[in-house]
């Protein structure tokens, strides 16, 4: 498949690249998380109408509703969504689980964040203690080798 705008209309997975300017204590409806300053990556999936575009644009526009753990984190002014990887998925594979497992091999998980519906997953939010560029390279390599080649979209 060639990378183009239509990839955003498809169902699949995404990985948000977040820059967090200070340590945060994030309280959701039922949990409490300590999020470190630096670069973090959030794994999600979009299988409904509008595909990845509808889900990610919701985050870019910072809608006020707090439904998922990531909504609570994105509600902080200290969090900047730098961009996102899109991972097209084949039917029959749980892309979100595979991506989370891949990131867990090199990045630090924030236990329980974003994976209440995936009880076997440790986390869907991972911290990276390097520069954004270095972290993006690590994530790209992990996704390319263990899942499939991702497409990068930068938030400008």
N, C-alpha and C. Protein backbone atom coordinates (compact mmCIF):
# COMPACT_ATOMS: atom_id res chain seq x y z
N UNK A 1 0.85 -1.17 0.00
CA UNK A 1 0.00 0.00 0.00
C UNK A 1 0.89 1.23 0.00
N UNK A 2 0.58 2.20 -0.82
CA UNK A 2 1.34 3.44 -0.81
C UNK A 2 0.83 4.34 0.30
N UNK A 3 1.75 5.10 0.86
CA UNK A 3 1.38 6.01 1.94
C UNK A 3 0.74 7.24 1.33
N UNK A 4 -0.41 7.59 1.80
CA UNK A 4 -1.11 8.76 1.30
C UNK A 4 -2.19 9.16 2.28
N UNK A 5 -2.91 10.17 1.94
CA UNK A 5 -3.96 10.66 2.84
C UNK A 5 -5.01 9.58 3.11
N UNK A 6 -5.26 8.68 2.15
CA UNK A 6 -6.31 7.68 2.36
C UNK A 6 -5.99 6.71 3.49
N UNK A 7 -4.75 6.59 3.88
CA UNK A 7 -4.38 5.70 4.99
C UNK A 7 -5.05 6.18 6.29
N UNK A 8 -5.32 7.48 6.37
CA UNK A 8 -5.95 8.03 7.57
C UNK A 8 -7.43 7.68 7.66
N UNK A 9 -8.05 7.36 6.55
CA UNK A 9 -9.47 7.02 6.54
C UNK A 9 -9.73 5.56 6.90
N UNK A 10 -8.67 4.78 6.95
CA UNK A 10 -8.80 3.35 7.20
C UNK A 10 -8.76 3.04 8.68
N UNK A 11 -9.33 1.90 9.07
CA UNK A 11 -9.13 1.45 10.45
C UNK A 11 -7.70 0.99 10.62
N UNK A 12 -7.22 1.05 11.83
CA UNK A 12 -5.86 0.61 12.11
C UNK A 12 -5.40 1.10 13.46
N UNK A 13 -4.10 1.16 13.62
CA UNK A 13 -3.51 1.62 14.87
C UNK A 13 -2.74 2.90 14.64
N UNK A 14 -2.50 3.59 15.74
CA UNK A 14 -1.70 4.81 15.69
C UNK A 14 -0.85 4.85 16.95
N UNK A 15 0.23 5.60 16.86
CA UNK A 15 1.09 5.84 18.01
C UNK A 15 1.30 7.35 18.08
N UNK A 16 0.76 7.96 19.14
CA UNK A 16 0.93 9.40 19.33
C UNK A 16 2.29 9.66 19.95
N UNK A 17 3.00 10.66 19.42
CA UNK A 17 4.27 11.10 20.00
C UNK A 17 3.99 12.35 20.82
N UNK A 18 4.25 12.27 22.11
CA UNK A 18 3.93 13.36 23.03
C UNK A 18 5.20 13.92 23.66
N UNK A 19 5.25 15.24 23.76
CA UNK A 19 6.33 15.89 24.50
C UNK A 19 5.69 16.45 25.77
N UNK A 20 6.22 16.03 26.91
CA UNK A 20 5.66 16.42 28.20
C UNK A 20 6.70 17.28 28.91
N UNK A 21 6.34 18.53 29.19
CA UNK A 21 7.32 19.50 29.66
C UNK A 21 7.62 19.43 31.16
N UNK A 22 6.82 18.72 31.93
CA UNK A 22 7.13 18.52 33.36
C UNK A 22 6.46 17.25 33.84
N UNK A 23 6.96 16.71 34.96
CA UNK A 23 6.34 15.53 35.55
C UNK A 23 4.88 15.84 35.88
N UNK A 24 3.99 14.89 35.59
CA UNK A 24 2.57 15.10 35.81
C UNK A 24 1.99 13.99 36.67
N UNK A 25 0.99 14.36 37.46
CA UNK A 25 0.18 13.39 38.18
C UNK A 25 -1.21 13.45 37.56
N UNK A 26 -1.57 12.39 36.86
CA UNK A 26 -2.82 12.37 36.10
C UNK A 26 -3.82 11.46 36.80
N UNK A 27 -4.96 12.03 37.12
CA UNK A 27 -6.04 11.27 37.74
C UNK A 27 -7.15 11.09 36.71
N UNK A 28 -7.55 9.83 36.51
CA UNK A 28 -8.67 9.53 35.63
C UNK A 28 -9.86 9.17 36.52
N UNK A 29 -10.92 8.67 35.93
CA UNK A 29 -12.09 8.31 36.74
C UNK A 29 -11.77 7.27 37.80
N UNK A 30 -10.88 6.34 37.46
CA UNK A 30 -10.64 5.23 38.39
C UNK A 30 -9.17 4.95 38.70
N UNK A 31 -8.26 5.76 38.16
CA UNK A 31 -6.84 5.47 38.34
C UNK A 31 -6.04 6.75 38.54
N UNK A 32 -4.78 6.56 38.95
CA UNK A 32 -3.86 7.65 39.16
C UNK A 32 -2.53 7.25 38.52
N UNK A 33 -1.95 8.14 37.71
CA UNK A 33 -0.71 7.83 37.00
C UNK A 33 0.30 8.94 37.20
N UNK A 34 1.56 8.55 37.37
CA UNK A 34 2.65 9.51 37.38
C UNK A 34 3.34 9.42 36.03
N UNK A 35 3.29 10.53 35.31
CA UNK A 35 3.83 10.58 33.95
C UNK A 35 5.11 11.41 33.98
N UNK A 36 6.22 10.84 33.52
CA UNK A 36 7.48 11.58 33.58
C UNK A 36 7.61 12.64 32.49
N UNK A 37 8.37 13.65 32.79
CA UNK A 37 8.72 14.68 31.81
C UNK A 37 9.52 14.01 30.69
N UNK A 38 9.34 14.48 29.47
CA UNK A 38 10.10 13.95 28.34
C UNK A 38 9.20 13.51 27.21
N UNK A 39 9.64 12.52 26.48
CA UNK A 39 8.93 12.01 25.32
C UNK A 39 8.17 10.74 25.71
N UNK A 40 6.89 10.70 25.34
CA UNK A 40 6.08 9.50 25.58
C UNK A 40 5.36 9.12 24.29
N UNK A 41 5.03 7.85 24.18
CA UNK A 41 4.30 7.34 23.03
C UNK A 41 3.06 6.61 23.51
N UNK A 42 1.91 6.96 22.94
CA UNK A 42 0.64 6.34 23.29
C UNK A 42 0.14 5.50 22.13
N UNK A 43 -0.22 4.25 22.41
CA UNK A 43 -0.72 3.31 21.41
C UNK A 43 -2.24 3.27 21.46
N UNK A 44 -2.86 3.42 20.30
CA UNK A 44 -4.31 3.33 20.23
C UNK A 44 -4.76 2.70 18.93
N UNK A 45 -6.04 2.41 18.87
CA UNK A 45 -6.60 1.87 17.64
C UNK A 45 -7.87 2.63 17.28
N UNK A 46 -8.18 2.60 16.02
CA UNK A 46 -9.39 3.27 15.52
C UNK A 46 -10.04 2.32 14.52
N UNK A 47 -11.13 1.74 14.95
CA UNK A 47 -11.80 0.76 14.09
C UNK A 47 -13.17 1.24 13.64
N UNK A 48 -13.60 2.38 14.16
CA UNK A 48 -14.94 2.88 13.86
C UNK A 48 -14.99 3.76 12.63
N UNK A 49 -16.13 4.40 12.42
CA UNK A 49 -16.32 5.29 11.26
C UNK A 49 -15.31 6.42 11.28
N UNK A 50 -14.77 6.72 10.13
CA UNK A 50 -13.79 7.80 10.03
C UNK A 50 -12.37 7.35 10.22
N UNK A 51 -12.19 6.11 10.69
CA UNK A 51 -10.86 5.54 10.82
C UNK A 51 -9.94 6.32 11.74
N UNK A 52 -8.66 6.24 11.43
CA UNK A 52 -7.63 6.87 12.24
C UNK A 52 -7.78 8.38 12.24
N UNK A 53 -8.17 8.94 11.11
CA UNK A 53 -8.31 10.40 11.02
C UNK A 53 -9.28 10.93 12.06
N UNK A 54 -10.43 10.33 12.19
CA UNK A 54 -11.43 10.79 13.15
C UNK A 54 -10.89 10.73 14.58
N UNK A 55 -10.20 9.65 14.91
CA UNK A 55 -9.71 9.49 16.28
C UNK A 55 -8.57 10.47 16.57
N UNK A 56 -7.58 10.52 15.69
CA UNK A 56 -6.42 11.38 15.95
C UNK A 56 -6.79 12.86 15.88
N UNK A 57 -7.65 13.24 14.95
CA UNK A 57 -8.05 14.65 14.89
C UNK A 57 -8.78 15.07 16.15
N UNK A 58 -9.50 14.14 16.76
CA UNK A 58 -10.15 14.41 18.04
C UNK A 58 -9.09 14.83 19.07
N UNK A 59 -7.95 14.14 19.06
CA UNK A 59 -6.87 14.48 19.99
C UNK A 59 -6.20 15.79 19.61
N UNK A 60 -5.98 16.00 18.32
CA UNK A 60 -5.33 17.24 17.88
C UNK A 60 -6.18 18.46 18.23
N UNK A 61 -7.49 18.30 18.14
CA UNK A 61 -8.41 19.40 18.45
C UNK A 61 -8.68 19.52 19.95
N UNK A 62 -8.20 18.55 20.71
CA UNK A 62 -8.34 18.53 22.17
C UNK A 62 -9.78 18.74 22.60
N UNK A 63 -10.64 17.86 22.14
CA UNK A 63 -12.04 17.89 22.55
C UNK A 63 -12.12 17.79 24.07
N UNK A 64 -13.09 18.42 24.66
CA UNK A 64 -13.17 18.53 26.11
C UNK A 64 -13.60 17.25 26.83
N UNK A 65 -14.18 16.30 26.14
CA UNK A 65 -14.67 15.11 26.84
C UNK A 65 -13.50 14.24 27.29
N UNK A 66 -13.65 13.66 28.47
CA UNK A 66 -12.63 12.78 29.02
C UNK A 66 -13.19 11.36 29.06
N UNK A 67 -12.94 10.64 28.00
CA UNK A 67 -13.47 9.28 27.86
C UNK A 67 -12.36 8.26 28.12
N UNK A 68 -11.24 8.41 27.42
CA UNK A 68 -10.12 7.49 27.53
C UNK A 68 -9.02 8.11 28.39
N UNK A 69 -8.10 7.28 28.89
CA UNK A 69 -6.98 7.78 29.69
C UNK A 69 -6.23 8.88 28.95
N UNK A 70 -6.02 8.71 27.66
CA UNK A 70 -5.26 9.69 26.89
C UNK A 70 -5.95 11.06 26.88
N UNK A 71 -7.28 11.09 26.96
CA UNK A 71 -8.00 12.37 27.02
C UNK A 71 -7.59 13.16 28.26
N UNK A 72 -7.44 12.48 29.36
CA UNK A 72 -7.04 13.14 30.61
C UNK A 72 -5.63 13.72 30.47
N UNK A 73 -4.72 12.94 29.92
CA UNK A 73 -3.34 13.40 29.74
C UNK A 73 -3.27 14.58 28.79
N UNK A 74 -3.98 14.50 27.68
CA UNK A 74 -3.95 15.59 26.69
C UNK A 74 -4.62 16.86 27.22
N UNK A 75 -5.34 16.77 28.31
CA UNK A 75 -5.97 17.94 28.91
C UNK A 75 -4.99 18.87 29.60
N UNK A 76 -3.76 18.44 29.79
CA UNK A 76 -2.74 19.26 30.44
C UNK A 76 -2.04 20.15 29.41
N UNK A 77 -1.83 21.41 29.78
CA UNK A 77 -1.12 22.35 28.90
C UNK A 77 0.33 21.94 28.69
N UNK A 78 0.87 21.14 29.59
CA UNK A 78 2.28 20.71 29.51
C UNK A 78 2.50 19.56 28.52
N UNK A 79 1.44 19.15 27.85
CA UNK A 79 1.53 18.03 26.91
C UNK A 79 1.33 18.55 25.49
N UNK A 80 2.32 18.27 24.63
CA UNK A 80 2.24 18.67 23.21
C UNK A 80 2.24 17.41 22.36
N UNK A 81 1.26 17.29 21.48
CA UNK A 81 1.19 16.16 20.56
C UNK A 81 2.04 16.53 19.34
N UNK A 82 3.25 15.97 19.27
CA UNK A 82 4.22 16.33 18.22
C UNK A 82 3.86 15.73 16.86
N UNK A 83 3.17 14.61 16.87
CA UNK A 83 2.80 13.94 15.64
C UNK A 83 2.36 12.52 15.96
N UNK A 84 2.20 11.72 14.90
CA UNK A 84 1.74 10.36 15.14
C UNK A 84 2.15 9.44 13.99
N UNK A 85 2.38 8.19 14.36
CA UNK A 85 2.60 7.14 13.39
C UNK A 85 1.25 6.46 13.12
N UNK A 86 1.05 6.08 11.87
CA UNK A 86 -0.12 5.30 11.48
C UNK A 86 0.37 3.92 11.06
N UNK A 87 -0.28 2.91 11.57
CA UNK A 87 0.08 1.53 11.25
C UNK A 87 -1.14 0.85 10.65
N UNK A 88 -1.15 0.65 9.34
CA UNK A 88 -2.28 -0.07 8.75
C UNK A 88 -2.25 -1.52 9.21
N UNK A 89 -3.41 -2.07 9.48
CA UNK A 89 -3.46 -3.43 10.04
C UNK A 89 -4.20 -4.39 9.13
N UNK A 90 -3.70 -5.59 9.10
CA UNK A 90 -4.39 -6.67 8.40
C UNK A 90 -5.50 -7.20 9.28
N UNK A 91 -6.53 -7.70 8.65
CA UNK A 91 -7.61 -8.32 9.43
C UNK A 91 -7.05 -9.55 10.14
N UNK A 92 -7.61 -9.82 11.31
CA UNK A 92 -7.19 -11.00 12.05
C UNK A 92 -6.02 -10.76 12.99
N UNK A 93 -5.43 -9.58 12.98
CA UNK A 93 -4.33 -9.27 13.89
C UNK A 93 -4.79 -8.15 14.81
N UNK A 94 -4.49 -8.28 16.10
CA UNK A 94 -4.79 -7.20 17.04
C UNK A 94 -3.60 -6.26 17.03
N UNK A 95 -3.64 -5.33 16.12
CA UNK A 95 -2.53 -4.40 15.89
C UNK A 95 -2.13 -3.67 17.16
N UNK A 96 -3.11 -3.23 17.93
CA UNK A 96 -2.85 -2.47 19.16
C UNK A 96 -1.99 -3.28 20.14
N UNK A 97 -2.31 -4.54 20.30
CA UNK A 97 -1.55 -5.42 21.18
C UNK A 97 -0.14 -5.63 20.65
N UNK A 98 -0.01 -5.87 19.36
CA UNK A 98 1.30 -6.09 18.76
C UNK A 98 2.19 -4.86 18.87
N UNK A 99 1.62 -3.68 18.64
CA UNK A 99 2.39 -2.44 18.76
C UNK A 99 2.83 -2.23 20.20
N UNK A 100 1.91 -2.42 21.15
CA UNK A 100 2.26 -2.24 22.57
C UNK A 100 3.38 -3.20 22.98
N UNK A 101 3.29 -4.45 22.55
CA UNK A 101 4.35 -5.42 22.87
C UNK A 101 5.69 -4.99 22.28
N UNK A 102 5.66 -4.45 21.07
CA UNK A 102 6.89 -4.00 20.43
C UNK A 102 7.53 -2.85 21.19
N UNK A 103 6.73 -1.87 21.57
CA UNK A 103 7.28 -0.71 22.29
C UNK A 103 7.83 -1.12 23.65
N UNK A 104 7.20 -2.11 24.27
CA UNK A 104 7.65 -2.55 25.60
C UNK A 104 9.05 -3.15 25.58
N UNK A 105 9.56 -3.53 24.42
CA UNK A 105 10.89 -4.13 24.36
C UNK A 105 12.01 -3.10 24.52
N UNK A 106 11.73 -1.81 24.26
CA UNK A 106 12.79 -0.79 24.33
C UNK A 106 12.43 0.44 25.15
N UNK A 107 11.14 0.63 25.42
CA UNK A 107 10.69 1.82 26.13
C UNK A 107 10.13 1.46 27.50
N UNK A 108 10.03 2.46 28.37
CA UNK A 108 9.54 2.25 29.74
C UNK A 108 8.02 2.39 29.80
N UNK A 109 7.29 1.34 30.18
CA UNK A 109 5.83 1.44 30.26
C UNK A 109 5.37 2.25 31.48
N UNK A 110 4.25 2.92 31.33
CA UNK A 110 3.54 3.53 32.45
C UNK A 110 2.43 2.52 32.78
N UNK A 111 2.64 1.67 33.79
CA UNK A 111 1.75 0.52 34.03
C UNK A 111 0.27 0.89 34.12
N UNK A 112 -0.53 0.16 33.33
CA UNK A 112 -1.98 0.29 33.36
C UNK A 112 -2.57 1.42 32.54
N UNK A 113 -1.73 2.29 32.00
CA UNK A 113 -2.26 3.44 31.27
C UNK A 113 -2.80 3.02 29.91
N UNK A 114 -4.06 3.32 29.68
CA UNK A 114 -4.66 3.16 28.36
C UNK A 114 -4.98 1.75 27.93
N UNK A 115 -4.90 0.79 28.84
CA UNK A 115 -5.09 -0.60 28.41
C UNK A 115 -6.10 -1.34 29.26
N UNK A 116 -7.07 -0.64 29.82
CA UNK A 116 -8.05 -1.32 30.66
C UNK A 116 -8.88 -2.35 29.90
N UNK A 117 -8.97 -2.16 28.57
CA UNK A 117 -9.70 -3.13 27.75
C UNK A 117 -8.80 -4.24 27.22
N UNK A 118 -7.51 -4.16 27.49
CA UNK A 118 -6.54 -5.17 27.05
C UNK A 118 -5.79 -5.65 28.29
N UNK A 119 -6.42 -6.52 29.06
CA UNK A 119 -5.92 -6.89 30.38
C UNK A 119 -4.55 -7.56 30.36
N UNK A 120 -4.15 -8.12 29.25
CA UNK A 120 -2.83 -8.76 29.17
C UNK A 120 -1.72 -7.77 28.83
N UNK A 121 -2.09 -6.58 28.40
CA UNK A 121 -1.09 -5.55 28.09
C UNK A 121 -0.63 -4.86 29.36
N UNK A 122 0.64 -4.55 29.44
CA UNK A 122 1.20 -3.83 30.59
C UNK A 122 0.79 -2.37 30.54
N UNK A 123 0.82 -1.79 29.34
CA UNK A 123 0.53 -0.38 29.17
C UNK A 123 0.30 -0.07 27.71
N UNK A 124 -0.29 1.10 27.46
CA UNK A 124 -0.35 1.64 26.12
C UNK A 124 0.31 3.02 26.07
N UNK A 125 1.03 3.38 27.16
CA UNK A 125 1.82 4.61 27.20
C UNK A 125 3.23 4.26 27.62
N UNK A 126 4.19 4.72 26.82
CA UNK A 126 5.60 4.37 27.03
C UNK A 126 6.45 5.62 27.03
N UNK A 127 7.41 5.65 27.95
CA UNK A 127 8.31 6.78 28.09
C UNK A 127 9.66 6.47 27.44
N UNK A 128 10.26 7.50 26.86
CA UNK A 128 11.58 7.38 26.23
C UNK A 128 12.46 8.51 26.78
N UNK A 129 13.63 8.18 27.28
CA UNK A 129 14.49 9.15 27.94
C UNK A 129 15.51 9.81 27.02
N UNK A 130 15.24 9.84 25.74
CA UNK A 130 16.15 10.44 24.78
C UNK A 130 15.47 11.64 24.12
N UNK A 131 16.12 12.23 23.12
CA UNK A 131 15.51 13.35 22.39
C UNK A 131 14.35 12.83 21.55
N UNK A 132 13.48 13.73 21.13
CA UNK A 132 12.35 13.34 20.30
C UNK A 132 12.82 12.60 19.05
N UNK A 133 13.84 13.14 18.38
CA UNK A 133 14.32 12.51 17.14
C UNK A 133 14.83 11.10 17.38
N UNK A 134 15.59 10.91 18.47
CA UNK A 134 16.11 9.58 18.78
C UNK A 134 14.96 8.61 19.12
N UNK A 135 14.00 9.10 19.89
CA UNK A 135 12.86 8.26 20.27
C UNK A 135 12.02 7.88 19.06
N UNK A 136 11.81 8.84 18.14
CA UNK A 136 11.06 8.54 16.92
C UNK A 136 11.75 7.46 16.11
N UNK A 137 13.08 7.53 16.05
CA UNK A 137 13.84 6.50 15.32
C UNK A 137 13.68 5.13 15.94
N UNK A 138 13.73 5.06 17.26
CA UNK A 138 13.56 3.78 17.96
C UNK A 138 12.18 3.21 17.68
N UNK A 139 11.16 4.04 17.80
CA UNK A 139 9.79 3.56 17.58
C UNK A 139 9.59 3.14 16.13
N UNK A 140 10.11 3.92 15.18
CA UNK A 140 9.99 3.54 13.77
C UNK A 140 10.63 2.17 13.53
N UNK A 141 11.84 1.98 14.06
CA UNK A 141 12.53 0.70 13.87
C UNK A 141 11.75 -0.46 14.49
N UNK A 142 11.23 -0.26 15.70
CA UNK A 142 10.45 -1.32 16.35
C UNK A 142 9.22 -1.69 15.54
N UNK A 143 8.49 -0.67 15.08
CA UNK A 143 7.28 -0.93 14.31
C UNK A 143 7.60 -1.58 12.98
N UNK A 144 8.63 -1.12 12.31
CA UNK A 144 8.99 -1.66 11.00
C UNK A 144 9.37 -3.14 11.07
N UNK A 145 10.10 -3.50 12.11
CA UNK A 145 10.59 -4.88 12.24
C UNK A 145 9.51 -5.80 12.80
N UNK A 146 8.78 -5.34 13.82
CA UNK A 146 7.89 -6.25 14.55
C UNK A 146 6.43 -6.20 14.12
N UNK A 147 6.01 -5.12 13.44
CA UNK A 147 4.60 -5.02 13.04
C UNK A 147 4.51 -4.80 11.54
N UNK A 148 4.65 -3.57 11.10
CA UNK A 148 4.73 -3.24 9.67
C UNK A 148 5.20 -1.80 9.56
N UNK A 149 5.61 -1.40 8.38
CA UNK A 149 6.17 -0.06 8.23
C UNK A 149 5.11 1.01 8.48
N UNK A 150 5.41 1.92 9.43
CA UNK A 150 4.43 2.97 9.76
C UNK A 150 4.61 4.19 8.87
N UNK A 151 3.60 5.02 8.85
CA UNK A 151 3.66 6.33 8.17
C UNK A 151 3.66 7.40 9.26
N UNK A 152 4.50 8.42 9.12
CA UNK A 152 4.62 9.47 10.13
C UNK A 152 3.88 10.72 9.65
N UNK A 153 3.11 11.32 10.56
CA UNK A 153 2.42 12.59 10.30
C UNK A 153 2.82 13.54 11.42
N UNK A 154 3.40 14.66 11.06
CA UNK A 154 3.86 15.63 12.05
C UNK A 154 2.81 16.70 12.31
N UNK A 155 2.63 17.06 13.55
CA UNK A 155 1.72 18.12 13.95
C UNK A 155 2.49 19.43 13.85
N UNK A 156 1.99 20.34 12.99
CA UNK A 156 2.69 21.62 12.84
C UNK A 156 1.86 22.76 13.35
